[in-house]
C-alpha atoms as a PDB file:
ATOM      1  CA  MET A   1      54.921  -1.062  16.355  1.00  0.00           C
ATOM      2  CA  GLU A   2      57.636  -3.803  18.140  1.00  0.00           C
ATOM      3  CA  ASN A   3      60.142  -2.150  15.885  1.00  0.00           C
ATOM      4  CA  GLU A   4      59.687   1.560  15.987  1.00  0.00           C
ATOM      5  CA  ASN A   5      62.474   2.361  17.659  1.00  0.00           C
ATOM      6  CA  TRP A   6      65.155   0.109  16.500  1.00  0.00           C
ATOM      7  CA  LYS A   7      68.511   1.692  15.430  1.00  0.00           C
ATOM      8  CA  GLU A   8      70.537  -0.805  12.968  1.00  0.00           C
ATOM      9  CA  PHE A   9      73.926  -1.553  14.051  1.00  0.00           C
ATOM     10  CA  TRP A  10      76.479  -4.154  13.662  1.00  0.00           C
ATOM     11  CA  PHE A  11      77.355  -6.815  15.533  1.00  0.00           C
ATOM     12  CA  GLU A  12      80.602  -8.522  15.360  1.00  0.00           C
ATOM     13  CA  GLY A  13      81.139 -11.965  17.426  1.00  0.00           C
ATOM     14  CA  ASN A  14      82.537 -15.504  16.332  1.00  0.00           C
ATOM     15  CA  LEU A  15      79.211 -16.625  16.083  1.00  0.00           C
ATOM     16  CA  CYS A  16      77.326 -14.315  14.822  1.00  0.00           C
ATOM     17  CA  PHE A  17      78.264 -10.807  12.275  1.00  0.00           C
ATOM     18  CA  GLY A  18      76.317  -8.666  10.486  1.00  0.00           C
ATOM     19  CA  TRP A  19      73.763  -6.036  10.398  1.00  0.00           C
ATOM     20  CA  ILE A  20      71.159  -5.587  13.618  1.00  0.00           C
ATOM     21  CA  LYS A  21      67.953  -4.215  11.714  1.00  0.00           C
ATOM     22  CA  ASN A  22      65.404  -5.575  13.693  1.00  0.00           C
ATOM     23  CA  LYS A  23      64.566  -7.178  16.913  1.00  0.00           C
ATOM     24  CA  GLU A  24      63.990 -10.893  15.130  1.00  0.00           C
ATOM     25  CA  ASP A  25      67.846  -9.866  13.783  1.00  0.00           C
ATOM     26  CA  TRP A  26      69.155  -9.194  17.606  1.00  0.00           C
ATOM     27  CA  ASN A  27      66.970 -12.512  18.528  1.00  0.00           C
ATOM     28  CA  LYS A  28      69.146 -14.376  15.916  1.00  0.00           C
ATOM     29  CA  VAL A  29      72.174 -13.066  17.990  1.00  0.00           C
ATOM     30  CA  LYS A  30      71.163 -14.695  21.576  1.00  0.00           C
ATOM     31  CA  ARG A  31      70.185 -17.716  20.155  1.00  0.00           C
ATOM     32  CA  ALA A  32      73.442 -18.347  18.930  1.00  0.00           C
ATOM     33  CA  TYR A  33      75.310 -16.984  21.920  1.00  0.00           C
ATOM     34  CA  LYS A  34      72.215 -18.596  24.339  1.00  0.00           C
ATOM     35  CA  ASP A  35      74.680 -21.492  25.850  1.00  0.00           C
ATOM     36  CA  MET A  36      77.743 -19.271  25.740  1.00  0.00           C
ATOM     37  CA  MET A  37      76.467 -16.605  28.002  1.00  0.00           C
ATOM     38  CA  ASN A  38      73.266 -14.543  28.989  1.00  0.00           C
ATOM     39  CA  ILE A  39      71.728 -12.028  27.818  1.00  0.00           C
ATOM     40  CA  TYR A  40      73.840  -9.195  30.417  1.00  0.00           C
ATOM     41  CA  ASP A  41      77.250 -10.134  28.224  1.00  0.00           C
ATOM     42  CA  LEU A  42      75.730  -9.570  25.359  1.00  0.00           C
ATOM     43  CA  GLU A  43      74.494  -6.356  25.965  1.00  0.00           C
ATOM     44  CA  GLN A  44      78.453  -5.556  27.465  1.00  0.00           C
ATOM     45  CA  ALA A  45      79.715  -5.950  23.851  1.00  0.00           C
ATOM     46  CA  LYS A  46      81.434  -2.818  23.378  1.00  0.00           C
ATOM     47  CA  ARG A  47      81.071   0.121  20.304  1.00  0.00           C
ATOM     48  CA  CYS A  48      83.826  -0.150  17.989  1.00  0.00           C
ATOM     49  CA  PRO A  49      85.430   3.286  18.276  1.00  0.00           C
ATOM     50  CA  TYR A  50      87.139   3.133  14.918  1.00  0.00           C
ATOM     51  CA  SER A  51      84.136   2.538  12.554  1.00  0.00           C
ATOM     52  CA  ASP A  52      82.141   5.380  10.521  1.00  0.00           C
ATOM     53  CA  PHE A  53      79.191   3.255  11.678  1.00  0.00           C
ATOM     54  CA  ASP A  54      77.652   1.624  14.677  1.00  0.00           C
ATOM     55  CA  LYS A  55      79.524  -1.471  15.211  1.00  0.00           C
ATOM     56  CA  PHE A  56      79.535  -3.643  18.288  1.00  0.00           C
ATOM     57  CA  GLY A  57      80.999  -6.969  19.246  1.00  0.00           C
ATOM     58  CA  PHE A  58      83.399  -8.850  21.397  1.00  0.00           C
ATOM     59  CA  ALA A  59      86.480  -8.526  18.631  1.00  0.00           C
ATOM     60  CA  ILE A  60      89.657  -6.983  19.260  1.00  0.00           C
ATOM     61  CA  GLU A  61      88.669  -3.790  17.036  1.00  0.00           C
ATOM     62  CA  CYS A  62      85.160  -3.386  19.645  1.00  0.00           C
ATOM     63  CA  ASP A  63      87.156  -1.858  22.710  1.00  0.00           C
ATOM     64  CA  GLY A  64      85.415   1.460  22.586  1.00  0.00           C
ATOM     65  CA  LYS A  65      83.895   2.702  26.508  1.00  0.00           C
ATOM     66  CA  GLN A  66      79.824   2.321  25.238  1.00  0.00           C
ATOM     67  CA  THR A  67      78.677  -0.927  25.404  1.00  0.00           C
ATOM     68  CA  LEU A  68      75.706  -2.210  23.332  1.00  0.00           C
ATOM     69  CA  LYS A  69      73.481  -1.851  26.483  1.00  0.00           C
ATOM     70  CA  GLU A  70      74.007   1.935  26.858  1.00  0.00           C
ATOM     71  CA  PHE A  71      73.838   2.450  22.902  1.00  0.00           C
ATOM     72  CA  ALA A  72      70.510   0.379  23.388  1.00  0.00           C
ATOM     73  CA  ASP A  73      68.850   2.585  25.913  1.00  0.00           C
ATOM     74  CA  LYS A  74      69.952   5.858  24.416  1.00  0.00           C
ATOM     75  CA  ASN A  75      67.960   4.929  21.391  1.00  0.00           C
ATOM     76  CA  ASN A  76      65.124   3.315  23.334  1.00  0.00           C
ATOM     77  CA  MET A  77      65.857   0.062  21.799  1.00  0.00           C
ATOM     78  CA  ASP A  78      64.381  -2.970  24.235  1.00  0.00           C
ATOM     79  CA  LEU A  79      67.092  -5.454  23.648  1.00  0.00           C
END
């Protein structure tokens, strides 16, 4: 099953924001940003250290050390 290892997270950006509950939701984010950056840049979205849930993005509060790519790797998620 494609989303078997998916762990939902919140994505915060100017072009797209909300709960990313599965690969299809993540693909919507990729489409929103496709003309502005490559997938590597999206994967570098940072964690928000002040959030009580898994929140990543480009918003000013998302300035933590962990990247979305690191989170995905830790949770065996295929971004």
